[in-house]
């Protein structure tokens, strides 16, 4: 899933993202 930053009470999505991978796989 894609998650946002949260600033000033708002969820803000971005096209510039990094992937979070499991260190176990």
PDBML (XML) file of the C-alpha atoms, coordinates in Angstrom:
<?xml version="1.0" encoding="UTF-8" ?>
<PDBx:datablock datablockName="MODEL"
   xmlns:PDBx="http://pdbml.pdb.org/schema/pdbx-v50.xsd"
   xmlns:xsi="http://www.w3.org/2001/XMLSchema-instance"
   xsi:schemaLocation="http://pdbml.pdb.org/schema/pdbx-v50.xsd pdbx-v50.xsd">
   <PDBx:atom_siteCategory>
      <PDBx:atom_site id="1">
         <PDBx:B_iso_or_equiv>0.00</PDBx:B_iso_or_equiv>
         <PDBx:Cartn_x>0.000</PDBx:Cartn_x>
         <PDBx:Cartn_y>0.000</PDBx:Cartn_y>
         <PDBx:Cartn_z>0.000</PDBx:Cartn_z>
         <PDBx:auth_asym_id>A</PDBx:auth_asym_id>
         <PDBx:auth_atom_id>CA</PDBx:auth_atom_id>
         <PDBx:auth_comp_id>UNK</PDBx:auth_comp_id>
         <PDBx:auth_seq_id>1</PDBx:auth_seq_id>
         <PDBx:group_PDB>ATOM</PDBx:group_PDB>
         <PDBx:label_alt_id xsi:nil="true" />
         <PDBx:label_asym_id>A</PDBx:label_asym_id>
         <PDBx:label_atom_id>CA</PDBx:label_atom_id>
         <PDBx:label_comp_id>UNK</PDBx:label_comp_id>
         <PDBx:label_entity_id>1</PDBx:label_entity_id>
         <PDBx:label_seq_id>1</PDBx:label_seq_id>
         <PDBx:occupancy>1.00</PDBx:occupancy>
         <PDBx:pdbx_PDB_model_num>1</PDBx:pdbx_PDB_model_num>
         <PDBx:type_symbol>C</PDBx:type_symbol>
      </PDBx:atom_site>
      <PDBx:atom_site id="2">
         <PDBx:B_iso_or_equiv>0.00</PDBx:B_iso_or_equiv>
         <PDBx:Cartn_x>0.937</PDBx:Cartn_x>
         <PDBx:Cartn_y>3.623</PDBx:Cartn_y>
         <PDBx:Cartn_z>-0.554</PDBx:Cartn_z>
         <PDBx:auth_asym_id>A</PDBx:auth_asym_id>
         <PDBx:auth_atom_id>CA</PDBx:auth_atom_id>
         <PDBx:auth_comp_id>UNK</PDBx:auth_comp_id>
         <PDBx:auth_seq_id>2</PDBx:auth_seq_id>
         <PDBx:group_PDB>ATOM</PDBx:group_PDB>
         <PDBx:label_alt_id xsi:nil="true" />
         <PDBx:label_asym_id>A</PDBx:label_asym_id>
         <PDBx:label_atom_id>CA</PDBx:label_atom_id>
         <PDBx:label_comp_id>UNK</PDBx:label_comp_id>
         <PDBx:label_entity_id>1</PDBx:label_entity_id>
         <PDBx:label_seq_id>2</PDBx:label_seq_id>
         <PDBx:occupancy>1.00</PDBx:occupancy>
         <PDBx:pdbx_PDB_model_num>1</PDBx:pdbx_PDB_model_num>
         <PDBx:type_symbol>C</PDBx:type_symbol>
      </PDBx:atom_site>
      <PDBx:atom_site id="3">
         <PDBx:B_iso_or_equiv>0.00</PDBx:B_iso_or_equiv>
         <PDBx:Cartn_x>0.943</PDBx:Cartn_x>
         <PDBx:Cartn_y>5.836</PDBx:Cartn_y>
         <PDBx:Cartn_z>2.543</PDBx:Cartn_z>
         <PDBx:auth_asym_id>A</PDBx:auth_asym_id>
         <PDBx:auth_atom_id>CA</PDBx:auth_atom_id>
         <PDBx:auth_comp_id>UNK</PDBx:auth_comp_id>
         <PDBx:auth_seq_id>3</PDBx:auth_seq_id>
         <PDBx:group_PDB>ATOM</PDBx:group_PDB>
         <PDBx:label_alt_id xsi:nil="true" />
         <PDBx:label_asym_id>A</PDBx:label_asym_id>
         <PDBx:label_atom_id>CA</PDBx:label_atom_id>
         <PDBx:label_comp_id>UNK</PDBx:label_comp_id>
         <PDBx:label_entity_id>1</PDBx:label_entity_id>
         <PDBx:label_seq_id>3</PDBx:label_seq_id>
         <PDBx:occupancy>1.00</PDBx:occupancy>
         <PDBx:pdbx_PDB_model_num>1</PDBx:pdbx_PDB_model_num>
         <PDBx:type_symbol>C</PDBx:type_symbol>
      </PDBx:atom_site>
      <PDBx:atom_site id="4">
         <PDBx:B_iso_or_equiv>0.00</PDBx:B_iso_or_equiv>
         <PDBx:Cartn_x>0.940</PDBx:Cartn_x>
         <PDBx:Cartn_y>9.632</PDBx:Cartn_y>
         <PDBx:Cartn_z>2.922</PDBx:Cartn_z>
         <PDBx:auth_asym_id>A</PDBx:auth_asym_id>
         <PDBx:auth_atom_id>CA</PDBx:auth_atom_id>
         <PDBx:auth_comp_id>UNK</PDBx:auth_comp_id>
         <PDBx:auth_seq_id>4</PDBx:auth_seq_id>
         <PDBx:group_PDB>ATOM</PDBx:group_PDB>
         <PDBx:label_alt_id xsi:nil="true" />
         <PDBx:label_asym_id>A</PDBx:label_asym_id>
         <PDBx:label_atom_id>CA</PDBx:label_atom_id>
         <PDBx:label_comp_id>UNK</PDBx:label_comp_id>
         <PDBx:label_entity_id>1</PDBx:label_entity_id>
         <PDBx:label_seq_id>4</PDBx:label_seq_id>
         <PDBx:occupancy>1.00</PDBx:occupancy>
         <PDBx:pdbx_PDB_model_num>1</PDBx:pdbx_PDB_model_num>
         <PDBx:type_symbol>C</PDBx:type_symbol>
      </PDBx:atom_site>
      <PDBx:atom_site id="5">
         <PDBx:B_iso_or_equiv>0.00</PDBx:B_iso_or_equiv>
         <PDBx:Cartn_x>2.803</PDBx:Cartn_x>
         <PDBx:Cartn_y>12.212</PDBx:Cartn_y>
         <PDBx:Cartn_z>4.909</PDBx:Cartn_z>
         <PDBx:auth_asym_id>A</PDBx:auth_asym_id>
         <PDBx:auth_atom_id>CA</PDBx:auth_atom_id>
         <PDBx:auth_comp_id>UNK</PDBx:auth_comp_id>
         <PDBx:auth_seq_id>5</PDBx:auth_seq_id>
         <PDBx:group_PDB>ATOM</PDBx:group_PDB>
         <PDBx:label_alt_id xsi:nil="true" />
         <PDBx:label_asym_id>A</PDBx:label_asym_id>
         <PDBx:label_atom_id>CA</PDBx:label_atom_id>
         <PDBx:label_comp_id>UNK</PDBx:label_comp_id>
         <PDBx:label_entity_id>1</PDBx:label_entity_id>
         <PDBx:label_seq_id>5</PDBx:label_seq_id>
         <PDBx:occupancy>1.00</PDBx:occupancy>
         <PDBx:pdbx_PDB_model_num>1</PDBx:pdbx_PDB_model_num>
         <PDBx:type_symbol>C</PDBx:type_symbol>
      </PDBx:atom_site>
      <PDBx:atom_site id="6">
         <PDBx:B_iso_or_equiv>0.00</PDBx:B_iso_or_equiv>
         <PDBx:Cartn_x>0.540</PDBx:Cartn_x>
         <PDBx:Cartn_y>13.979</PDBx:Cartn_y>
         <PDBx:Cartn_z>7.418</PDBx:Cartn_z>
         <PDBx:auth_asym_id>A</PDBx:auth_asym_id>
         <PDBx:auth_atom_id>CA</PDBx:auth_atom_id>
         <PDBx:auth_comp_id>UNK</PDBx:auth_comp_id>
         <PDBx:auth_seq_id>6</PDBx:auth_seq_id>
         <PDBx:group_PDB>ATOM</PDBx:group_PDB>
         <PDBx:label_alt_id xsi:nil="true" />
         <PDBx:label_asym_id>A</PDBx:label_asym_id>
         <PDBx:label_atom_id>CA</PDBx:label_atom_id>
         <PDBx:label_comp_id>UNK</PDBx:label_comp_id>
         <PDBx:label_entity_id>1</PDBx:label_entity_id>
         <PDBx:label_seq_id>6</PDBx:label_seq_id>
         <PDBx:occupancy>1.00</PDBx:occupancy>
         <PDBx:pdbx_PDB_model_num>1</PDBx:pdbx_PDB_model_num>
         <PDBx:type_symbol>C</PDBx:type_symbol>
      </PDBx:atom_site>
      <PDBx:atom_site id="7">
         <PDBx:B_iso_or_equiv>0.00</PDBx:B_iso_or_equiv>
         <PDBx:Cartn_x>0.886</PDBx:Cartn_x>
         <PDBx:Cartn_y>17.761</PDBx:Cartn_y>
         <PDBx:Cartn_z>7.656</PDBx:Cartn_z>
         <PDBx:auth_asym_id>A</PDBx:auth_asym_id>
         <PDBx:auth_atom_id>CA</PDBx:auth_atom_id>
         <PDBx:auth_comp_id>UNK</PDBx:auth_comp_id>
         <PDBx:auth_seq_id>7</PDBx:auth_seq_id>
         <PDBx:group_PDB>ATOM</PDBx:group_PDB>
         <PDBx:label_alt_id xsi:nil="true" />
         <PDBx:label_asym_id>A</PDBx:label_asym_id>
         <PDBx:label_atom_id>CA</PDBx:label_atom_id>
         <PDBx:label_comp_id>UNK</PDBx:label_comp_id>
         <PDBx:label_entity_id>1</PDBx:label_entity_id>
         <PDBx:label_seq_id>7</PDBx:label_seq_id>
         <PDBx:occupancy>1.00</PDBx:occupancy>
         <PDBx:pdbx_PDB_model_num>1</PDBx:pdbx_PDB_model_num>
         <PDBx:type_symbol>C</PDBx:type_symbol>
      </PDBx:atom_site>
      <PDBx:atom_site id="8">
         <PDBx:B_iso_or_equiv>0.00</PDBx:B_iso_or_equiv>
         <PDBx:Cartn_x>-1.522</PDBx:Cartn_x>
         <PDBx:Cartn_y>20.271</PDBx:Cartn_y>
         <PDBx:Cartn_z>9.223</PDBx:Cartn_z>
         <PDBx:auth_asym_id>A</PDBx:auth_asym_id>
         <PDBx:auth_atom_id>CA</PDBx:auth_atom_id>
         <PDBx:auth_comp_id>UNK</PDBx:auth_comp_id>
         <PDBx:auth_seq_id>8</PDBx:auth_seq_id>
         <PDBx:group_PDB>ATOM</PDBx:group_PDB>
         <PDBx:label_alt_id xsi:nil="true" />
         <PDBx:label_asym_id>A</PDBx:label_asym_id>
         <PDBx:label_atom_id>CA</PDBx:label_atom_id>
         <PDBx:label_comp_id>UNK</PDBx:label_comp_id>
         <PDBx:label_entity_id>1</PDBx:label_entity_id>
         <PDBx:label_seq_id>8</PDBx:label_seq_id>
         <PDBx:occupancy>1.00</PDBx:occupancy>
         <PDBx:pdbx_PDB_model_num>1</PDBx:pdbx_PDB_model_num>
         <PDBx:type_symbol>C</PDBx:type_symbol>
      </PDBx:atom_site>
      <PDBx:atom_site id="9">
         <PDBx:B_iso_or_equiv>0.00</PDBx:B_iso_or_equiv>
         <PDBx:Cartn_x>-4.187</PDBx:Cartn_x>
         <PDBx:Cartn_y>17.637</PDBx:Cartn_y>
         <PDBx:Cartn_z>9.779</PDBx:Cartn_z>
         <PDBx:auth_asym_id>A</PDBx:auth_asym_id>
         <PDBx:auth_atom_id>CA</PDBx:auth_atom_id>
         <PDBx:auth_comp_id>UNK</PDBx:auth_comp_id>
         <PDBx:auth_seq_id>9</PDBx:auth_seq_id>
         <PDBx:group_PDB>ATOM</PDBx:group_PDB>
         <PDBx:label_alt_id xsi:nil="true" />
         <PDBx:label_asym_id>A</PDBx:label_asym_id>
         <PDBx:label_atom_id>CA</PDBx:label_atom_id>
         <PDBx:label_comp_id>UNK</PDBx:label_comp_id>
         <PDBx:label_entity_id>1</PDBx:label_entity_id>
         <PDBx:label_seq_id>9</PDBx:label_seq_id>
         <PDBx:occupancy>1.00</PDBx:occupancy>
         <PDBx:pdbx_PDB_model_num>1</PDBx:pdbx_PDB_model_num>
         <PDBx:type_symbol>C</PDBx:type_symbol>
      </PDBx:atom_site>
      <PDBx:atom_site id="10">
         <PDBx:B_iso_or_equiv>0.00</PDBx:B_iso_or_equiv>
         <PDBx:Cartn_x>-4.165</PDBx:Cartn_x>
         <PDBx:Cartn_y>16.431</PDBx:Cartn_y>
         <PDBx:Cartn_z>6.169</PDBx:Cartn_z>
         <PDBx:auth_asym_id>A</PDBx:auth_asym_id>
         <PDBx:auth_atom_id>CA</PDBx:auth_atom_id>
         <PDBx:auth_comp_id>UNK</PDBx:auth_comp_id>
         <PDBx:auth_seq_id>10</PDBx:auth_seq_id>
         <PDBx:group_PDB>ATOM</PDBx:group_PDB>
         <PDBx:label_alt_id xsi:nil="true" />
         <PDBx:label_asym_id>A</PDBx:label_asym_id>
         <PDBx:label_atom_id>CA</PDBx:label_atom_id>
         <PDBx:label_comp_id>UNK</PDBx:label_comp_id>
         <PDBx:label_entity_id>1</PDBx:label_entity_id>
         <PDBx:label_seq_id>10</PDBx:label_seq_id>
         <PDBx:occupancy>1.00</PDBx:occupancy>
         <PDBx:pdbx_PDB_model_num>1</PDBx:pdbx_PDB_model_num>
         <PDBx:type_symbol>C</PDBx:type_symbol>
      </PDBx:atom_site>
      <PDBx:atom_site id="11">
         <PDBx:B_iso_or_equiv>0.00</PDBx:B_iso_or_equiv>
         <PDBx:Cartn_x>-2.943</PDBx:Cartn_x>
         <PDBx:Cartn_y>13.262</PDBx:Cartn_y>
         <PDBx:Cartn_z>4.483</PDBx:Cartn_z>
         <PDBx:auth_asym_id>A</PDBx:auth_asym_id>
         <PDBx:auth_atom_id>CA</PDBx:auth_atom_id>
         <PDBx:auth_comp_id>UNK</PDBx:auth_comp_id>
         <PDBx:auth_seq_id>11</PDBx:auth_seq_id>
         <PDBx:group_PDB>ATOM</PDBx:group_PDB>
         <PDBx:label_alt_id xsi:nil="true" />
         <PDBx:label_asym_id>A</PDBx:label_asym_id>
         <PDBx:label_atom_id>CA</PDBx:label_atom_id>
         <PDBx:label_comp_id>UNK</PDBx:label_comp_id>
         <PDBx:label_entity_id>1</PDBx:label_entity_id>
         <PDBx:label_seq_id>11</PDBx:label_seq_id>
         <PDBx:occupancy>1.00</PDBx:occupancy>
         <PDBx:pdbx_PDB_model_num>1</PDBx:pdbx_PDB_model_num>
         <PDBx:type_symbol>C</PDBx:type_symbol>
      </PDBx:atom_site>
      <PDBx:atom_site id="12">
         <PDBx:B_iso_or_equiv>0.00</PDBx:B_iso_or_equiv>
         <PDBx:Cartn_x>-0.748</PDBx:Cartn_x>
         <PDBx:Cartn_y>14.210</PDBx:Cartn_y>
         <PDBx:Cartn_z>1.541</PDBx:Cartn_z>
         <PDBx:auth_asym_id>A</PDBx:auth_asym_id>
         <PDBx:auth_atom_id>CA</PDBx:auth_atom_id>
         <PDBx:auth_comp_id>UNK</PDBx:auth_comp_id>
         <PDBx:auth_seq_id>12</PDBx:auth_seq_id>
         <PDBx:group_PDB>ATOM</PDBx:group_PDB>
         <PDBx:label_alt_id xsi:nil="true" />
         <PDBx:label_asym_id>A</PDBx:label_asym_id>
         <PDBx:label_atom_id>CA</PDBx:label_atom_id>
         <PDBx:label_comp_id>UNK</PDBx:label_comp_id>
         <PDBx:label_entity_id>1</PDBx:label_entity_id>
         <PDBx:label_seq_id>12</PDBx:label_seq_id>
         <PDBx:occupancy>1.00</PDBx:occupancy>
         <PDBx:pdbx_PDB_model_num>1</PDBx:pdbx_PDB_model_num>
         <PDBx:type_symbol>C</PDBx:type_symbol>
      </PDBx:atom_site>
      <PDBx:atom_site id="13">
         <PDBx:B_iso_or_equiv>0.00</PDBx:B_iso_or_equiv>
         <PDBx:Cartn_x>0.250</PDBx:Cartn_x>
         <PDBx:Cartn_y>11.572</PDBx:Cartn_y>
         <PDBx:Cartn_z>-0.990</PDBx:Cartn_z>
         <PDBx:auth_asym_id>A</PDBx:auth_asym_id>
         <PDBx:auth_atom_id>CA</PDBx:auth_atom_id>
         <PDBx:auth_comp_id>UNK</PDBx:auth_comp_id>
         <PDBx:auth_seq_id>13</PDBx:auth_seq_id>
         <PDBx:group_PDB>ATOM</PDBx:group_PDB>
         <PDBx:label_alt_id xsi:nil="true" />
         <PDBx:label_asym_id>A</PDBx:label_asym_id>
         <PDBx:label_atom_id>CA</PDBx:label_atom_id>
         <PDBx:label_comp_id>UNK</PDBx:label_comp_id>
         <PDBx:label_entity_id>1</PDBx:label_entity_id>
         <PDBx:label_seq_id>13</PDBx:label_seq_id>
         <PDBx:occupancy>1.00</PDBx:occupancy>
         <PDBx:pdbx_PDB_model_num>1</PDBx:pdbx_PDB_model_num>
         <PDBx:type_symbol>C</PDBx:type_symbol>
      </PDBx:atom_site>
      <PDBx:atom_site id="14">
         <PDBx:B_iso_or_equiv>0.00</PDBx:B_iso_or_equiv>
         <PDBx:Cartn_x>3.268</PDBx:Cartn_x>
         <PDBx:Cartn_y>11.891</PDBx:Cartn_y>
         <PDBx:Cartn_z>-3.258</PDBx:Cartn_z>
         <PDBx:auth_asym_id>A</PDBx:auth_asym_id>
         <PDBx:auth_atom_id>CA</PDBx:auth_atom_id>
         <PDBx:auth_comp_id>UNK</PDBx:auth_comp_id>
         <PDBx:auth_seq_id>14</PDBx:auth_seq_id>
         <PDBx:group_PDB>ATOM</PDBx:group_PDB>
         <PDBx:label_alt_id xsi:nil="true" />
         <PDBx:label_asym_id>A</PDBx:label_asym_id>
         <PDBx:label_atom_id>CA</PDBx:label_atom_id>
         <PDBx:label_comp_id>UNK</PDBx:label_comp_id>
         <PDBx:label_entity_id>1</PDBx:label_entity_id>
         <PDBx:label_seq_id>14</PDBx:label_seq_id>
         <PDBx:occupancy>1.00</PDBx:occupancy>
         <PDBx:pdbx_PDB_model_num>1</PDBx:pdbx_PDB_model_num>
         <PDBx:type_symbol>C</PDBx:type_symbol>
      </PDBx:atom_site>
      <PDBx:atom_site id="15">
         <PDBx:B_iso_or_equiv>0.00</PDBx:B_iso_or_equiv>
         <PDBx:Cartn_x>4.390</PDBx:Cartn_x>
         <PDBx:Cartn_y>10.421</PDBx:Cartn_y>
         <PDBx:Cartn_z>-6.574</PDBx:Cartn_z>
         <PDBx:auth_asym_id>A</PDBx:auth_asym_id>
         <PDBx:auth_atom_id>CA</PDBx:auth_atom_id>
         <PDBx:auth_comp_id>UNK</PDBx:auth_comp_id>
         <PDBx:auth_seq_id>15</PDBx:auth_seq_id>
         <PDBx:group_PDB>ATOM</PDBx:group_PDB>
         <PDBx:label_alt_id xsi:nil="true" />
         <PDBx:label_asym_id>A</PDBx:label_asym_id>
         <PDBx:label_atom_id>CA</PDBx:label_atom_id>
         <PDBx:label_comp_id>UNK</PDBx:label_comp_id>
         <PDBx:label_entity_id>1</PDBx:label_entity_id>
         <PDBx:label_seq_id>15</PDBx:label_seq_id>
         <PDBx:occupancy>1.00</PDBx:occupancy>
         <PDBx:pdbx_PDB_model_num>1</PDBx:pdbx_PDB_model_num>
         <PDBx:type_symbol>C</PDBx:type_symbol>
      </PDBx:atom_site>
      <PDBx:atom_site id="16">
         <PDBx:B_iso_or_equiv>0.00</PDBx:B_iso_or_equiv>
         <PDBx:Cartn_x>7.986</PDBx:Cartn_x>
         <PDBx:Cartn_y>10.423</PDBx:Cartn_y>
         <PDBx:Cartn_z>-5.316</PDBx:Cartn_z>
         <PDBx:auth_asym_id>A</PDBx:auth_asym_id>
         <PDBx:auth_atom_id>CA</PDBx:auth_atom_id>
         <PDBx:auth_comp_id>UNK</PDBx:auth_comp_id>
         <PDBx:auth_seq_id>16</PDBx:auth_seq_id>
         <PDBx:group_PDB>ATOM</PDBx:group_PDB>
         <PDBx:label_alt_id xsi:nil="true" />
         <PDBx:label_asym_id>A</PDBx:label_asym_id>
         <PDBx:label_atom_id>CA</PDBx:label_atom_id>
         <PDBx:label_comp_id>UNK</PDBx:label_comp_id>
         <PDBx:label_entity_id>1</PDBx:label_entity_id>
         <PDBx:label_seq_id>16</PDBx:label_seq_id>
         <PDBx:occupancy>1.00</PDBx:occupancy>
         <PDBx:pdbx_PDB_model_num>1</PDBx:pdbx_PDB_model_num>
         <PDBx:type_symbol>C</PDBx:type_symbol>
      </PDBx:atom_site>
      <PDBx:atom_site id="17">
         <PDBx:B_iso_or_equiv>0.00</PDBx:B_iso_or_equiv>
         <PDBx:Cartn_x>8.105</PDBx:Cartn_x>
         <PDBx:Cartn_y>7.482</PDBx:Cartn_y>
         <PDBx:Cartn_z>-2.913</PDBx:Cartn_z>
         <PDBx:auth_asym_id>A</PDBx:auth_asym_id>
         <PDBx:auth_atom_id>CA</PDBx:auth_atom_id>
         <PDBx:auth_comp_id>UNK</PDBx:auth_comp_id>
         <PDBx:auth_seq_id>17</PDBx:auth_seq_id>
         <PDBx:group_PDB>ATOM</PDBx:group_PDB>
         <PDBx:label_alt_id xsi:nil="true" />
         <PDBx:label_asym_id>A</PDBx:label_asym_id>
         <PDBx:label_atom_id>CA</PDBx:label_atom_id>
         <PDBx:label_comp_id>UNK</PDBx:label_comp_id>
         <PDBx:label_entity_id>1</PDBx:label_entity_id>
         <PDBx:label_seq_id>17</PDBx:label_seq_id>
         <PDBx:occupancy>1.00</PDBx:occupancy>
         <PDBx:pdbx_PDB_model_num>1</PDBx:pdbx_PDB_model_num>
         <PDBx:type_symbol>C</PDBx:type_symbol>
      </PDBx:atom_site>
      <PDBx:atom_site id="18">
         <PDBx:B_iso_or_equiv>0.00</PDBx:B_iso_or_equiv>
         <PDBx:Cartn_x>10.556</PDBx:Cartn_x>
         <PDBx:Cartn_y>4.972</PDBx:Cartn_y>
         <PDBx:Cartn_z>-1.491</PDBx:Cartn_z>
         <PDBx:auth_asym_id>A</PDBx:auth_asym_id>
         <PDBx:auth_atom_id>CA</PDBx:auth_atom_id>
         <PDBx:auth_comp_id>UNK</PDBx:auth_comp_id>
         <PDBx:auth_seq_id>18</PDBx:auth_seq_id>
         <PDBx:group_PDB>ATOM</PDBx:group_PDB>
         <PDBx:label_alt_id xsi:nil="true" />
         <PDBx:label_asym_id>A</PDBx:label_asym_id>
         <PDBx:label_atom_id>CA</PDBx:label_atom_id>
         <PDBx:label_comp_id>UNK</PDBx:label_comp_id>
         <PDBx:label_entity_id>1</PDBx:label_entity_id>
         <PDBx:label_seq_id>18</PDBx:label_seq_id>
         <PDBx:occupancy>1.00</PDBx:occupancy>
         <PDBx:pdbx_PDB_model_num>1</PDBx:pdbx_PDB_model_num>
         <PDBx:type_symbol>C</PDBx:type_symbol>
      </PDBx:atom_site>
      <PDBx:atom_site id="19">
         <PDBx:B_iso_or_equiv>0.00</PDBx:B_iso_or_equiv>
         <PDBx:Cartn_x>9.708</PDBx:Cartn_x>
         <PDBx:Cartn_y>1.316</PDBx:Cartn_y>
         <PDBx:Cartn_z>-0.983</PDBx:Cartn_z>
         <PDBx:auth_asym_id>A</PDBx:auth_asym_id>
         <PDBx:auth_atom_id>CA</PDBx:auth_atom_id>
         <PDBx:auth_comp_id>UNK</PDBx:auth_comp_id>
         <PDBx:auth_seq_id>19</PDBx:auth_seq_id>
         <PDBx:group_PDB>ATOM</PDBx:group_PDB>
         <PDBx:label_alt_id xsi:nil="true" />
         <PDBx:label_asym_id>A</PDBx:label_asym_id>
         <PDBx:label_atom_id>CA</PDBx:label_atom_id>
         <PDBx:label_comp_id>UNK</PDBx:label_comp_id>
         <PDBx:label_entity_id>1</PDBx:label_entity_id>
         <PDBx:label_seq_id>19</PDBx:label_seq_id>
         <PDBx:occupancy>1.00</PDBx:occupancy>
         <PDBx:pdbx_PDB_model_num>1</PDBx:pdbx_PDB_model_num>
         <PDBx:type_symbol>C</PDBx:type_symbol>
      </PDBx:atom_site>
      <PDBx:atom_site id="20">
         <PDBx:B_iso_or_equiv>0.00</PDBx:B_iso_or_equiv>
         <PDBx:Cartn_x>9.805</PDBx:Cartn_x>
         <PDBx:Cartn_y>-0.294</PDBx:Cartn_y>
         <PDBx:Cartn_z>2.454</PDBx:Cartn_z>
         <PDBx:auth_asym_id>A</PDBx:auth_asym_id>
         <PDBx:auth_atom_id>CA</PDBx:auth_atom_id>
         <PDBx:auth_comp_id>UNK</PDBx:auth_comp_id>
         <PDBx:auth_seq_id>20</PDBx:auth_seq_id>
         <PDBx:group_PDB>ATOM</PDBx:group_PDB>
         <PDBx:label_alt_id xsi:nil="true" />
         <PDBx:label_asym_id>A</PDBx:label_asym_id>
         <PDBx:label_atom_id>CA</PDBx:label_atom_id>
         <PDBx:label_comp_id>UNK</PDBx:label_comp_id>
         <PDBx:label_entity_id>1</PDBx:label_entity_id>
         <PDBx:label_seq_id>20</PDBx:label_seq_id>
         <PDBx:occupancy>1.00</PDBx:occupancy>
         <PDBx:pdbx_PDB_model_num>1</PDBx:pdbx_PDB_model_num>
         <PDBx:type_symbol>C</PDBx:type_symbol>
      </PDBx:atom_site>
      <PDBx:atom_site id="21">
         <PDBx:B_iso_or_equiv>0.00</PDBx:B_iso_or_equiv>
         <PDBx:Cartn_x>11.026</PDBx:Cartn_x>
         <PDBx:Cartn_y>-3.882</PDBx:Cartn_y>
         <PDBx:Cartn_z>2.125</PDBx:Cartn_z>
         <PDBx:auth_asym_id>A</PDBx:auth_asym_id>
         <PDBx:auth_atom_id>CA</PDBx:auth_atom_id>
         <PDBx:auth_comp_id>UNK</PDBx:auth_comp_id>
         <PDBx:auth_seq_id>21</PDBx:auth_seq_id>
         <PDBx:group_PDB>ATOM</PDBx:group_PDB>
         <PDBx:label_alt_id xsi:nil="true" />
         <PDBx:label_asym_id>A</PDBx:label_asym_id>
         <PDBx:label_atom_id>CA</PDBx:label_atom_id>
         <PDBx:label_comp_id>UNK</PDBx:label_comp_id>
         <PDBx:label_entity_id>1</PDBx:label_entity_id>
         <PDBx:label_seq_id>21</PDBx:label_seq_id>
         <PDBx:occupancy>1.00</PDBx:occupancy>
         <PDBx:pdbx_PDB_model_num>1</PDBx:pdbx_PDB_model_num>
         <PDBx:type_symbol>C</PDBx:type_symbol>
      </PDBx:atom_site>
      <PDBx:atom_site id="22">
         <PDBx:B_iso_or_equiv>0.00</PDBx:B_iso_or_equiv>
         <PDBx:Cartn_x>11.236</PDBx:Cartn_x>
         <PDBx:Cartn_y>-6.605</PDBx:Cartn_y>
         <PDBx:Cartn_z>4.729</PDBx:Cartn_z>
         <PDBx:auth_asym_id>A</PDBx:auth_asym_id>
         <PDBx:auth_atom_id>CA</PDBx:auth_atom_id>
         <PDBx:auth_comp_id>UNK</PDBx:auth_comp_id>
         <PDBx:auth_seq_id>22</PDBx:auth_seq_id>
         <PDBx:group_PDB>ATOM</PDBx:group_PDB>
         <PDBx:label_alt_id xsi:nil="true" />
         <PDBx:label_asym_id>A</PDBx:label_asym_id>
         <PDBx:label_atom_id>CA</PDBx:label_atom_id>
         <PDBx:label_comp_id>UNK</PDBx:label_comp_id>
         <PDBx:label_entity_id>1</PDBx:label_entity_id>
         <PDBx:label_seq_id>22</PDBx:label_seq_id>
         <PDBx:occupancy>1.00</PDBx:occupancy>
         <PDBx:pdbx_PDB_model_num>1</PDBx:pdbx_PDB_model_num>
         <PDBx:type_symbol>C</PDBx:type_symbol>
      </PDBx:atom_site>
      <PDBx:atom_site id="23">
         <PDBx:B_iso_or_equiv>0.00</PDBx:B_iso_or_equiv>
         <PDBx:Cartn_x>14.828</PDBx:Cartn_x>
         <PDBx:Cartn_y>-7.277</PDBx:Cartn_y>
         <PDBx:Cartn_z>5.880</PDBx:Cartn_z>
         <PDBx:auth_asym_id>A</PDBx:auth_asym_id>
         <PDBx:auth_atom_id>CA</PDBx:auth_atom_id>
         <PDBx:auth_comp_id>UNK</PDBx:auth_comp_id>
         <PDBx:auth_seq_id>23</PDBx:auth_seq_id>
         <PDBx:group_PDB>ATOM</PDBx:group_PDB>
         <PDBx:label_alt_id xsi:nil="true" />
         <PDBx:label_asym_id>A</PDBx:label_asym_id>
         <PDBx:label_atom_id>CA</PDBx:label_atom_id>
         <PDBx:label_comp_id>UNK</PDBx:label_comp_id>
         <PDBx:label_entity_id>1</PDBx:label_entity_id>
         <PDBx:label_seq_id>23</PDBx:label_seq_id>
         <PDBx:occupancy>1.00</PDBx:occupancy>
         <PDBx:pdbx_PDB_model_num>1</PDBx:pdbx_PDB_model_num>
         <PDBx:type_symbol>C</PDBx:type_symbol>
      </PDBx:atom_site>
      <PDBx:atom_site id="24">
         <PDBx:B_iso_or_equiv>0.00</PDBx:B_iso_or_equiv>
         <PDBx:Cartn_x>13.819</PDBx:Cartn_x>
         <PDBx:Cartn_y>-10.941</PDBx:Cartn_y>
         <PDBx:Cartn_z>6.201</PDBx:Cartn_z>
         <PDBx:auth_asym_id>A</PDBx:auth_asym_id>
         <PDBx:auth_atom_id>CA</PDBx:auth_atom_id>
         <PDBx:auth_comp_id>UNK</PDBx:auth_comp_id>
         <PDBx:auth_seq_id>24</PDBx:auth_seq_id>
         <PDBx:group_PDB>ATOM</PDBx:group_PDB>
         <PDBx:label_alt_id xsi:nil="true" />
         <PDBx:label_asym_id>A</PDBx:label_asym_id>
         <PDBx:label_atom_id>CA</PDBx:label_atom_id>
         <PDBx:label_comp_id>UNK</PDBx:label_comp_id>
         <PDBx:label_entity_id>1</PDBx:label_entity_id>
         <PDBx:label_seq_id>24</PDBx:label_seq_id>
         <PDBx:occupancy>1.00</PDBx:occupancy>
         <PDBx:pdbx_PDB_model_num>1</PDBx:pdbx_PDB_model_num>
         <PDBx:type_symbol>C</PDBx:type_symbol>
      </PDBx:atom_site>
      <PDBx:atom_site id="25">
         <PDBx:B_iso_or_equiv>0.00</PDBx:B_iso_or_equiv>
         <PDBx:Cartn_x>12.681</PDBx:Cartn_x>
         <PDBx:Cartn_y>-11.141</PDBx:Cartn_y>
         <PDBx:Cartn_z>2.566</PDBx:Cartn_z>
         <PDBx:auth_asym_id>A</PDBx:auth_asym_id>
         <PDBx:auth_atom_id>CA</PDBx:auth_atom_id>
         <PDBx:auth_comp_id>UNK</PDBx:auth_comp_id>
         <PDBx:auth_seq_id>25</PDBx:auth_seq_id>
         <PDBx:group_PDB>ATOM</PDBx:group_PDB>
         <PDBx:label_alt_id xsi:nil="true" />
         <PDBx:label_asym_id>A</PDBx:label_asym_id>
         <PDBx:label_atom_id>CA</PDBx:label_atom_id>
         <PDBx:label_comp_id>UNK</PDBx:label_comp_id>
         <PDBx:label_entity_id>1</PDBx:label_entity_id>
         <PDBx:label_seq_id>25</PDBx:label_seq_id>
         <PDBx:occupancy>1.00</PDBx:occupancy>
         <PDBx:pdbx_PDB_model_num>1</PDBx:pdbx_PDB_model_num>
         <PDBx:type_symbol>C</PDBx:type_symbol>
      </PDBx:atom_site>
   </PDBx:atom_siteCategory>
</PDBx:datablock>
